[in-house]
Amino acid sequence: MKMLISPAKSLDYNTEIPINKSTKPAFLKESKIINEELVSKTPMDLEELMKISSNLAELNWKRNQTRTFSKKTGREKDFRQAVYAFNGDVYVGLDAYSLSEAKMDVLQNKLRILSGLYGILKPLDEIEPYRLEMGTKIKVKTSENLYEFWKPVITDALNKEMRKGELLVNLASNEYFSAVDKKALKSTLVIPEFKELRNGKLKTISFYAKKARGQMARYIVDNNIDDVEGIKGFNVDGYIWSEAESKENNLVFTR
């Protein structure tokens, strides 16, 4: 089984990391090509392209200009394992800091993080600070956008490391999962959804859904889940699987 999650806009490069293990991203060559495009953008370009404040644009312009993709002496603090670097709601739910080293090995094997700059990451892949959402409308060489650039790379990477019919649990957002060619996958896709009962109606509320995606990933690792029936047992924070709302491998959890 493999799981997909999205990255986060917010980053944490300060909290002490509980383990020393790290790995290198698989597609640094492609990342460098994208960064060449980013380096050519001014702070004003980034502000308009990414719809961010001038302060954030200036910060990310500096990051783009100084990014090396190579961990050199004196720059160690600029690198951090992805699962500890991202700091959004999904990662709050995952709570990687409390995982034992043995369970981190399981997470490293099962979890993949989709990324606008790095394509696809393992949890312990070391990354530099960046901001580049997959939906950013930036041309890269002959590709019209990041989806076109990354889709064959990400899909091929997943197919190479997964057996035919193996479960691929999509816990990523639509923005990021759109960088995967679903029709070309040889794995069996499972998509959990998390909904809240509000005024008699079930609704997907982004904040809660994001956290629940991280909690689902953690539940799968903690409980050594490897099949759909095991996923249906997810019962964290009051969620339960709804047979009535679910369809085949689209599993809806409500509370």
Protein backbone atom coordinates (compact mmCIF):
# COMPACT_ATOMS: atom_id res chain seq x y z
CA MET A 1 0.00 0.00 0.00
CA LYS A 2 1.05 3.55 -0.75
CA MET A 3 -0.55 6.81 0.38
CA LEU A 4 -0.47 10.24 -1.25
CA ILE A 5 -0.74 13.56 0.59
CA SER A 6 -0.29 17.20 -0.39
CA PRO A 7 2.48 19.46 0.88
CA ALA A 8 1.73 22.56 2.96
CA LYS A 9 2.24 26.27 2.37
CA SER A 10 3.43 26.81 5.94
CA LEU A 11 6.89 25.53 6.83
CA ASP A 12 8.79 24.75 10.03
CA TYR A 13 12.58 24.74 9.91
CA ASN A 14 13.08 25.38 13.63
CA THR A 15 11.50 22.61 15.74
CA GLU A 16 14.01 19.99 16.83
CA ILE A 17 13.84 16.84 14.71
CA PRO A 18 13.59 13.55 16.65
CA ILE A 19 15.64 11.41 14.23
CA ASN A 20 18.78 11.86 12.12
CA LYS A 21 17.81 9.78 9.09
CA SER A 22 17.37 11.50 5.75
CA THR A 23 17.15 10.69 2.04
CA LYS A 24 17.47 12.63 -1.21
CA PRO A 25 14.54 13.53 -3.50
CA ALA A 26 14.43 11.37 -6.61
CA PHE A 27 13.85 14.09 -9.19
CA LEU A 28 16.32 16.87 -8.41
CA LYS A 29 17.21 17.17 -12.09
CA GLU A 30 13.60 18.12 -12.85
CA SER A 31 13.45 20.38 -9.78
CA LYS A 32 16.46 22.33 -11.04
CA ILE A 33 14.76 22.86 -14.40
CA ILE A 34 11.72 24.32 -12.63
CA ASN A 35 13.91 26.49 -10.42
CA GLU A 36 15.58 27.95 -13.51
CA GLU A 37 12.16 29.31 -14.44
CA LEU A 38 11.57 30.61 -10.92
CA VAL A 39 14.94 32.36 -10.81
CA SER A 40 13.95 34.38 -13.87
CA LYS A 41 10.92 35.80 -12.05
CA THR A 42 11.08 39.11 -10.17
CA PRO A 43 9.40 39.55 -6.77
CA MET A 44 6.58 41.39 -8.56
CA ASP A 45 6.24 38.49 -11.01
CA LEU A 46 5.90 36.04 -8.10
CA GLU A 47 3.39 38.26 -6.33
CA GLU A 48 1.16 38.24 -9.40
CA LEU A 49 1.80 34.61 -10.38
CA MET A 50 1.17 33.14 -6.94
CA LYS A 51 -1.36 35.69 -5.67
CA ILE A 52 0.73 36.36 -2.56
CA SER A 53 1.72 39.46 -0.57
CA SER A 54 4.75 41.53 -1.50
CA ASN A 55 6.54 40.33 1.65
CA LEU A 56 5.96 36.68 0.75
CA ALA A 57 6.99 37.37 -2.83
CA GLU A 58 10.25 38.93 -1.67
CA LEU A 59 10.92 35.99 0.68
CA ASN A 60 10.34 33.41 -2.02
CA TRP A 61 12.32 35.38 -4.60
CA LYS A 62 15.31 35.17 -2.22
CA ARG A 63 14.70 31.45 -1.71
CA ASN A 64 14.62 30.85 -5.45
CA GLN A 65 17.82 32.82 -6.04
CA THR A 66 19.81 31.01 -3.33
CA ARG A 67 18.45 27.47 -3.75
CA THR A 68 21.28 25.01 -4.38
CA PHE A 69 19.69 21.52 -4.13
CA SER A 70 23.03 20.51 -2.59
CA LYS A 71 23.63 20.31 1.14
CA LYS A 72 26.88 22.20 1.59
CA THR A 73 28.79 23.04 4.76
CA GLY A 74 27.26 26.03 6.48
CA ARG A 75 23.88 25.54 4.83
CA GLU A 76 22.65 22.57 6.85
CA LYS A 77 19.84 24.63 8.40
CA ASP A 78 18.41 25.23 4.91
CA PHE A 79 17.62 21.52 4.57
CA ARG A 80 15.00 19.52 6.44
CA GLN A 81 13.14 16.25 5.94
CA ALA A 82 9.88 16.94 4.12
CA VAL A 83 7.59 15.39 6.74
CA TYR A 84 9.04 17.75 9.36
CA ALA A 85 9.37 20.77 7.05
CA PHE A 86 5.69 20.99 6.08
CA ASN A 87 3.52 22.38 8.85
CA GLY A 88 -0.10 22.52 7.67
CA ASP A 89 -3.28 20.84 8.91
CA VAL A 90 -2.50 17.50 7.26
CA TYR A 91 0.80 17.37 9.13
CA VAL A 92 -0.85 18.28 12.43
CA GLY A 93 -3.08 15.24 11.93
CA LEU A 94 -0.13 13.04 10.95
CA ASP A 95 1.97 14.20 13.93
CA ALA A 96 5.23 12.71 12.62
CA TYR A 97 7.17 14.03 15.61
CA SER A 98 5.55 11.43 17.87
CA LEU A 99 6.27 8.47 15.59
CA SER A 100 8.79 5.91 16.78
CA GLU A 101 11.80 5.29 14.56
CA ALA A 102 10.36 1.90 13.59
CA LYS A 103 7.05 3.47 12.55
CA MET A 104 8.91 6.21 10.69
CA ASP A 105 10.46 3.44 8.59
CA VAL A 106 6.93 2.26 7.78
CA LEU A 107 5.88 5.81 6.91
CA GLN A 108 8.94 6.20 4.68
CA ASN A 109 7.88 3.10 2.78
CA LYS A 110 4.17 3.89 2.50
CA LEU A 111 3.78 7.67 2.24
CA ARG A 112 4.46 9.90 -0.76
CA ILE A 113 4.12 13.69 -0.77
CA LEU A 114 3.21 15.40 -4.05
CA SER A 115 5.08 18.65 -4.67
CA GLY A 116 5.10 21.44 -7.23
CA LEU A 117 8.90 21.80 -7.00
CA TYR A 118 10.03 18.26 -6.19
CA GLY A 119 7.34 16.20 -7.94
CA ILE A 120 7.06 13.37 -5.45
CA LEU A 121 8.79 13.07 -2.10
CA LYS A 122 9.38 10.40 0.52
CA PRO A 123 8.86 11.65 4.10
CA LEU A 124 12.58 11.76 4.90
CA ASP A 125 13.67 13.42 1.66
CA GLU A 126 15.52 16.61 2.58
CA ILE A 127 14.17 19.76 0.97
CA GLU A 128 14.94 23.46 0.99
CA PRO A 129 12.23 26.03 1.84
CA TYR A 130 10.02 26.80 -1.13
CA ARG A 131 6.57 27.86 -2.18
CA LEU A 132 5.20 26.55 -5.45
CA GLU A 133 1.69 25.19 -5.58
CA MET A 134 0.97 22.59 -8.24
CA GLY A 135 -1.71 24.82 -9.75
CA THR A 136 0.67 27.73 -10.32
CA LYS A 137 0.42 28.77 -13.98
CA ILE A 138 4.07 28.63 -14.91
CA LYS A 139 5.54 27.27 -18.13
CA VAL A 140 8.49 24.87 -17.81
CA LYS A 141 10.46 24.26 -21.01
CA THR A 142 7.91 22.81 -23.46
CA SER A 143 5.31 22.13 -20.76
CA GLU A 144 2.46 24.61 -20.45
CA ASN A 145 2.19 24.10 -16.69
CA LEU A 146 3.40 21.99 -13.76
CA TYR A 147 0.72 19.36 -14.32
CA GLU A 148 1.96 18.70 -17.83
CA PHE A 149 5.56 18.68 -16.62
CA TRP A 150 5.10 16.38 -13.63
CA LYS A 151 2.26 14.03 -14.60
CA PRO A 152 4.32 11.49 -16.60
CA VAL A 153 7.15 11.62 -14.04
CA ILE A 154 4.95 11.12 -10.98
CA THR A 155 2.75 8.45 -12.57
CA ASP A 156 5.77 6.48 -13.79
CA ALA A 157 7.39 6.70 -10.35
CA LEU A 158 4.28 5.30 -8.67
CA ASN A 159 3.93 2.51 -11.21
CA LYS A 160 7.57 1.50 -10.80
CA GLU A 161 7.32 1.05 -7.05
CA MET A 162 3.84 -0.49 -6.86
CA ARG A 163 2.57 -3.95 -7.78
CA LYS A 164 -0.41 -4.35 -10.09
CA GLY A 165 -3.57 -4.00 -8.00
CA GLU A 166 -1.73 -2.71 -4.92
CA LEU A 167 -3.75 -0.12 -3.00
CA LEU A 168 -3.00 3.55 -3.60
CA VAL A 169 -4.79 5.63 -0.97
CA ASN A 170 -5.29 9.19 -2.17
CA LEU A 171 -5.25 11.60 0.76
CA ALA A 172 -4.08 14.52 -1.38
CA SER A 173 -6.19 17.47 -2.49
CA ASN A 174 -7.68 17.63 -5.97
CA GLU A 175 -5.09 20.28 -6.88
CA TYR A 176 -2.24 17.88 -6.26
CA PHE A 177 -3.82 14.58 -7.23
CA SER A 178 -4.51 16.09 -10.65
CA ALA A 179 -0.75 15.69 -11.24
CA VAL A 180 -1.31 11.91 -11.35
CA ASP A 181 -2.58 10.18 -14.49
CA LYS A 182 -5.29 8.02 -12.93
CA LYS A 183 -5.96 6.08 -16.14
CA ALA A 184 -2.31 5.05 -16.41
CA LEU A 185 -1.99 3.79 -12.83
CA LYS A 186 -1.62 0.04 -12.43
CA SER A 187 -2.58 0.26 -8.74
CA THR A 188 -6.07 0.14 -7.23
CA LEU A 189 -7.15 3.61 -6.20
CA VAL A 190 -8.88 4.23 -2.86
CA ILE A 191 -10.19 7.72 -2.06
CA PRO A 192 -11.30 8.50 1.51
CA GLU A 193 -13.51 11.54 2.10
CA PHE A 194 -14.27 13.18 5.42
CA LYS A 195 -17.57 14.96 6.03
CA GLU A 196 -19.23 16.80 8.88
CA LEU A 197 -22.94 16.75 9.72
CA ARG A 198 -24.12 20.37 9.76
CA ASN A 199 -27.81 21.34 9.99
CA GLY A 200 -28.85 17.90 8.86
CA LYS A 201 -26.53 17.86 5.82
CA LEU A 202 -23.12 16.29 5.26
CA LYS A 203 -20.48 18.82 4.23
CA THR A 204 -16.76 18.71 3.51
CA ILE A 205 -15.11 21.39 5.62
CA SER A 206 -11.56 22.00 4.40
CA PHE A 207 -9.85 22.48 7.78
CA TYR A 208 -11.29 19.30 9.27
CA ALA A 209 -10.83 17.28 6.08
CA LYS A 210 -7.15 18.20 5.84
CA LYS A 211 -6.46 17.21 9.43
CA ALA A 212 -8.41 13.96 8.96
CA ARG A 213 -6.27 13.06 5.93
CA GLY A 214 -3.19 13.26 8.11
CA GLN A 215 -4.92 11.28 10.84
CA MET A 216 -5.87 8.61 8.33
CA ALA A 217 -2.25 8.28 7.20
CA ARG A 218 -1.17 7.96 10.82
CA TYR A 219 -3.91 5.39 11.53
CA ILE A 220 -2.76 3.25 8.60
CA VAL A 221 0.84 3.32 9.81
CA ASP A 222 0.02 2.76 13.50
CA ASN A 223 -2.27 -0.18 12.77
CA ASN A 224 -0.34 -1.79 9.90
CA ILE A 225 -3.36 -1.47 7.60
CA ASP A 226 -2.93 -3.03 4.16
CA ASP A 227 -6.47 -3.51 2.82
CA VAL A 228 -9.73 -1.65 2.28
CA GLU A 229 -11.46 -3.32 5.20
CA GLY A 230 -8.75 -2.06 7.51
CA ILE A 231 -9.18 1.48 6.20
CA LYS A 232 -12.92 1.30 6.90
CA GLY A 233 -12.06 0.79 10.57
CA PHE A 234 -10.74 4.37 10.86
CA ASN A 235 -12.40 5.84 13.96
CA VAL A 236 -10.25 8.81 15.00
CA ASP A 237 -11.83 12.02 16.36
CA GLY A 238 -15.36 10.65 16.09
CA TYR A 239 -15.25 9.67 12.40
CA ILE A 240 -16.90 6.44 11.29
CA TRP A 241 -17.15 4.84 7.88
CA SER A 242 -20.54 5.41 6.24
CA GLU A 243 -21.56 2.48 4.09
CA ALA A 244 -24.59 4.43 2.81
CA GLU A 245 -22.49 7.38 1.58
CA SER A 246 -19.60 5.30 0.18
CA LYS A 247 -19.31 3.93 -3.34
CA GLU A 248 -16.90 1.10 -4.18
CA ASN A 249 -13.44 2.39 -3.25
CA ASN A 250 -14.64 5.94 -2.57
CA LEU A 251 -14.87 5.68 1.23
CA VAL A 252 -16.83 8.36 3.06
CA PHE A 253 -16.27 8.93 6.77
CA THR A 254 -18.71 11.09 8.72
CA ARG A 255 -19.15 12.56 12.17
